[in-house]
Every structure is written in C-alpha cells, then in structure tokens.
C-alpha atoms as a PDB file:
ATOM      1  CA  MET A   1       4.639   0.015  -5.446  1.00  0.00           C
ATOM      2  CA  HIS A   2       7.409   0.538  -2.951  1.00  0.00           C
ATOM      3  CA  LEU A   3       9.370   3.674  -2.259  1.00  0.00           C
ATOM      4  CA  ASP A   4      12.624   3.687  -0.345  1.00  0.00           C
ATOM      5  CA  PHE A   5      12.557   6.165   2.513  1.00  0.00           C
ATOM      6  CA  ASN A   6      15.263   7.737   4.646  1.00  0.00           C
ATOM      7  CA  PRO A   7      16.914   4.810   6.466  1.00  0.00           C
ATOM      8  CA  ASN A   8      17.916   7.095   9.371  1.00  0.00           C
ATOM      9  CA  ASN A   9      14.234   7.751  10.125  1.00  0.00           C
ATOM     10  CA  GLU A  10      14.738  11.515  10.033  1.00  0.00           C
ATOM     11  CA  PRO A  11      11.613  13.692   9.816  1.00  0.00           C
ATOM     12  CA  ALA A  12      10.492  14.617   6.315  1.00  0.00           C
ATOM     13  CA  ALA A  13      10.508  18.217   5.137  1.00  0.00           C
ATOM     14  CA  GLU A  14       7.667  20.317   6.489  1.00  0.00           C
ATOM     15  CA  ILE A  15       4.602  20.592   4.255  1.00  0.00           C
ATOM     16  CA  ASN A  16       1.532  22.773   4.471  1.00  0.00           C
ATOM     17  CA  PHE A  17      -1.994  21.483   5.102  1.00  0.00           C
ATOM     18  CA  ASN A  18      -3.045  21.848   1.460  1.00  0.00           C
ATOM     19  CA  GLN A  19      -0.151  19.612   0.390  1.00  0.00           C
ATOM     20  CA  PHE A  20      -1.386  16.968   2.846  1.00  0.00           C
ATOM     21  CA  LEU A  21      -4.900  17.239   1.391  1.00  0.00           C
ATOM     22  CA  ASP A  22      -3.457  16.511  -2.064  1.00  0.00           C
ATOM     23  CA  VAL A  23      -2.375  13.030  -0.909  1.00  0.00           C
ATOM     24  CA  ASP A  24      -5.409  10.774  -1.454  1.00  0.00           C
ATOM     25  CA  MET A  25      -5.108   7.897   1.054  1.00  0.00           C
ATOM     26  CA  ARG A  26      -7.944   5.385   1.077  1.00  0.00           C
ATOM     27  CA  ILE A  27      -8.929   2.045   2.539  1.00  0.00           C
ATOM     28  CA  GLY A  28      -9.251  -0.863   0.160  1.00  0.00           C
ATOM     29  CA  GLU A  29      -9.852  -4.589   0.501  1.00  0.00           C
ATOM     30  CA  VAL A  30      -7.335  -7.043  -0.945  1.00  0.00           C
ATOM     31  CA  VAL A  31      -9.274  -9.196  -3.418  1.00  0.00           C
ATOM     32  CA  GLU A  32      -6.392 -11.032  -5.094  1.00  0.00           C
ATOM     33  CA  VAL A  33      -2.828 -11.934  -4.085  1.00  0.00           C
ATOM     34  CA  GLU A  34      -0.136 -13.454  -6.302  1.00  0.00           C
ATOM     35  CA  ASP A  35       3.535 -14.196  -5.825  1.00  0.00           C
ATOM     36  CA  PHE A  36       5.884 -11.777  -7.599  1.00  0.00           C
ATOM     37  CA  PRO A  37       9.055 -13.830  -8.179  1.00  0.00           C
ATOM     38  CA  GLU A  38      10.452 -11.330 -10.721  1.00  0.00           C
ATOM     39  CA  ALA A  39      10.677  -8.546  -8.114  1.00  0.00           C
ATOM     40  CA  ARG A  40      14.132  -7.550  -6.825  1.00  0.00           C
ATOM     41  CA  LYS A  41      12.926  -7.874  -3.214  1.00  0.00           C
ATOM     42  CA  PRO A  42      10.347 -10.477  -2.104  1.00  0.00           C
ATOM     43  CA  SER A  43       6.917  -9.040  -2.931  1.00  0.00           C
ATOM     44  CA  PHE A  44       3.319  -9.864  -3.675  1.00  0.00           C
ATOM     45  CA  LYS A  45       1.161  -8.568  -6.501  1.00  0.00           C
ATOM     46  CA  LEU A  46      -2.106  -7.324  -5.012  1.00  0.00           C
ATOM     47  CA  LYS A  47      -5.459  -6.341  -6.470  1.00  0.00           C
ATOM     48  CA  ILE A  48      -7.263  -4.012  -4.080  1.00  0.00           C
ATOM     49  CA  ASP A  49     -10.915  -2.945  -4.219  1.00  0.00           C
ATOM     50  CA  PHE A  50     -11.310   0.733  -3.295  1.00  0.00           C
ATOM     51  CA  GLY A  51     -15.036   0.771  -4.006  1.00  0.00           C
ATOM     52  CA  GLU A  52     -17.053   3.049  -6.225  1.00  0.00           C
ATOM     53  CA  GLY A  53     -15.098   5.917  -7.745  1.00  0.00           C
ATOM     54  CA  VAL A  54     -11.592   4.463  -7.483  1.00  0.00           C
ATOM     55  CA  GLY A  55     -12.339   0.825  -8.332  1.00  0.00           C
ATOM     56  CA  ILE A  56      -9.892  -2.070  -8.296  1.00  0.00           C
ATOM     57  CA  LYS A  57      -6.213  -1.125  -8.460  1.00  0.00           C
ATOM     58  CA  LYS A  58      -2.975  -3.139  -8.592  1.00  0.00           C
ATOM     59  CA  SER A  59       0.020  -2.801  -6.310  1.00  0.00           C
ATOM     60  CA  SER A  60       3.345  -4.483  -5.684  1.00  0.00           C
ATOM     61  CA  ALA A  61       3.964  -4.767  -1.944  1.00  0.00           C
ATOM     62  CA  GLN A  62       7.071  -5.914  -0.058  1.00  0.00           C
ATOM     63  CA  ILE A  63       5.069  -7.496   2.769  1.00  0.00           C
ATOM     64  CA  THR A  64       6.072 -11.165   2.462  1.00  0.00           C
ATOM     65  CA  VAL A  65       7.899 -11.365   5.808  1.00  0.00           C
ATOM     66  CA  HIS A  66       4.876 -10.821   8.052  1.00  0.00           C
ATOM     67  CA  TYR A  67       1.989 -11.883   5.789  1.00  0.00           C
ATOM     68  CA  SER A  68       0.971 -14.922   3.779  1.00  0.00           C
ATOM     69  CA  LYS A  69      -1.256 -14.767   0.719  1.00  0.00           C
ATOM     70  CA  ASP A  70      -4.108 -16.276   2.751  1.00  0.00           C
ATOM     71  CA  GLU A  71      -3.734 -13.647   5.510  1.00  0.00           C
ATOM     72  CA  LEU A  72      -3.849 -10.819   2.984  1.00  0.00           C
ATOM     73  CA  LEU A  73      -6.936 -11.961   1.093  1.00  0.00           C
ATOM     74  CA  GLY A  74      -9.855  -9.908   2.435  1.00  0.00           C
ATOM     75  CA  LYS A  75      -7.583  -7.653   4.543  1.00  0.00           C
ATOM     76  CA  LYS A  76      -8.245  -3.909   4.545  1.00  0.00           C
ATOM     77  CA  VAL A  77      -5.165  -1.843   3.666  1.00  0.00           C
ATOM     78  CA  LEU A  78      -4.408   1.866   3.437  1.00  0.00           C
ATOM     79  CA  ALA A  79      -2.959   3.091   0.144  1.00  0.00           C
ATOM     80  CA  VAL A  80      -2.129   6.290  -1.665  1.00  0.00           C
ATOM     81  CA  VAL A  81      -4.325   6.167  -4.762  1.00  0.00           C
ATOM     82  CA  ASN A  82      -3.289   9.322  -6.617  1.00  0.00           C
ATOM     83  CA  PHE A  83       0.369   8.655  -7.434  1.00  0.00           C
ATOM     84  CA  PRO A  84       1.070   8.038 -11.120  1.00  0.00           C
ATOM     85  CA  PRO A  85       1.462   4.331 -11.993  1.00  0.00           C
ATOM     86  CA  ARG A  86       4.972   2.963 -11.522  1.00  0.00           C
ATOM     87  CA  GLN A  87       6.576   0.185 -13.557  1.00  0.00           C
ATOM     88  CA  ILE A  88       7.994  -2.559 -11.299  1.00  0.00           C
ATOM     89  CA  GLY A  89       9.662  -5.026 -13.666  1.00  0.00           C
ATOM     90  CA  LYS A  90       6.912  -6.245 -16.005  1.00  0.00           C
ATOM     91  CA  PHE A  91       4.209  -5.182 -13.530  1.00  0.00           C
ATOM     92  CA  MET A  92       2.477  -1.778 -13.425  1.00  0.00           C
ATOM     93  CA  SER A  93       1.800  -0.755  -9.823  1.00  0.00           C
ATOM     94  CA  GLU A  94      -1.055   1.750  -9.547  1.00  0.00           C
ATOM     95  CA  VAL A  95      -1.228   2.499  -5.797  1.00  0.00           C
ATOM     96  CA  LEU A  96       1.193   2.597  -2.856  1.00  0.00           C
ATOM     97  CA  VAL A  97       0.201   0.364   0.064  1.00  0.00           C
ATOM     98  CA  MET A  98       1.129   2.056   3.341  1.00  0.00           C
ATOM     99  CA  GLY A  99       2.862   0.322   6.244  1.00  0.00           C
ATOM    100  CA  PHE A 100       5.392   0.794   9.017  1.00  0.00           C
ATOM    101  CA  SER A 101       8.957  -0.530   9.220  1.00  0.00           C
ATOM    102  CA  ASP A 102       9.668  -2.868  12.115  1.00  0.00           C
ATOM    103  CA  LYS A 103      13.124  -3.058  13.762  1.00  0.00           C
ATOM    104  CA  ASN A 104      14.357  -5.146  10.786  1.00  0.00           C
ATOM    105  CA  ASN A 105      12.870  -2.716   8.226  1.00  0.00           C
ATOM    106  CA  ASP A 106      10.219  -5.271   7.225  1.00  0.00           C
ATOM    107  CA  ILE A 107       6.817  -3.764   6.508  1.00  0.00           C
ATOM    108  CA  VAL A 108       3.972  -4.114   9.007  1.00  0.00           C
ATOM    109  CA  LEU A 109       0.420  -3.202   8.041  1.00  0.00           C
ATOM    110  CA  PHE A 110      -2.003  -1.825  10.616  1.00  0.00           C
ATOM    111  CA  ASP A 111      -5.468  -3.039  11.568  1.00  0.00           C
ATOM    112  CA  LEU A 112      -8.539  -0.844  11.821  1.00  0.00           C
ATOM    113  CA  ASP A 113     -10.369  -1.058  15.145  1.00  0.00           C
ATOM    114  CA  LYS A 114     -13.714  -0.432  13.371  1.00  0.00           C
ATOM    115  CA  ASP A 115     -14.886  -1.364   9.893  1.00  0.00           C
ATOM    116  CA  VAL A 116     -15.029   1.346   7.225  1.00  0.00           C
ATOM    117  CA  PRO A 117     -16.274   0.983   3.660  1.00  0.00           C
ATOM    118  CA  ASN A 118     -13.881   0.385   0.778  1.00  0.00           C
ATOM    119  CA  GLY A 119     -12.812   3.751  -0.576  1.00  0.00           C
ATOM    120  CA  ALA A 120     -13.043   5.602   2.758  1.00  0.00           C
ATOM    121  CA  ARG A 121     -10.518   8.440   2.715  1.00  0.00           C
ATOM    122  CA  LEU A 122      -8.028   9.183   5.491  1.00  0.00           C
ATOM    123  CA  HIS A 123      -8.731  12.566   7.125  1.00  0.00           C
END
C-alpha cells in the first residue's frame, strides 16, 4: 500500500493525542517478497509476519530502488496495520509499510538498533 503525500514536505494538520493512539503501527518481519510487475510504479508484494494477534498481512511497497528481494527477506519493517485494505491493481494491500523519502523521493526503510518481537507496537 502506498499513499502519496505532500510533495512540498509541509507539516500535516495538527492532531490530538487520541488520534495518534488510533494509528496502530507495529513491527513485522518480511517473510515473503515477490515482484509486482503490474504496479504503476516499481513495487514489491510483501507478506509480513506481525506475530500473534495481527498475523501475516500483505502489502505493496514501492521500495525497489534501495532494496532487493534478498535484502528484504527477514527484515523488520514498521507498518500501519489498522487501515482498511486497499486494492492495488489485482492485489489487495492490507497494511502500509512506513519509510522516509530520500532526496529523490525514493523510499528508505529504517533499522532498529535493538530487536523487538513481531507485533510490537510503536509508542
């Protein structure tokens, strides 16, 4: 799942703390990676294990510039797990993988400096 954000990098509208708590962001481990040639922009299809409670979810991620399929397999990623599923072509994306735009607007994932279990929630 990919959402297009403000290209001018302007701050988002202010939200209150309870709105932030409604966004369920969790760590998951990539357990499967496939090419997604039907996507409009180069993407991978991912299966991500969020552990007990959330389970394995699918996502389309535009992260082909900085990552190979081999690099992604076993990688821990942060994702929003409580958005409704979104149809991307013939693929149903269930979670939004989070990343940062580099100077070319290509997505960069971040690395944890300590291990956390699959399903750990961002606080």
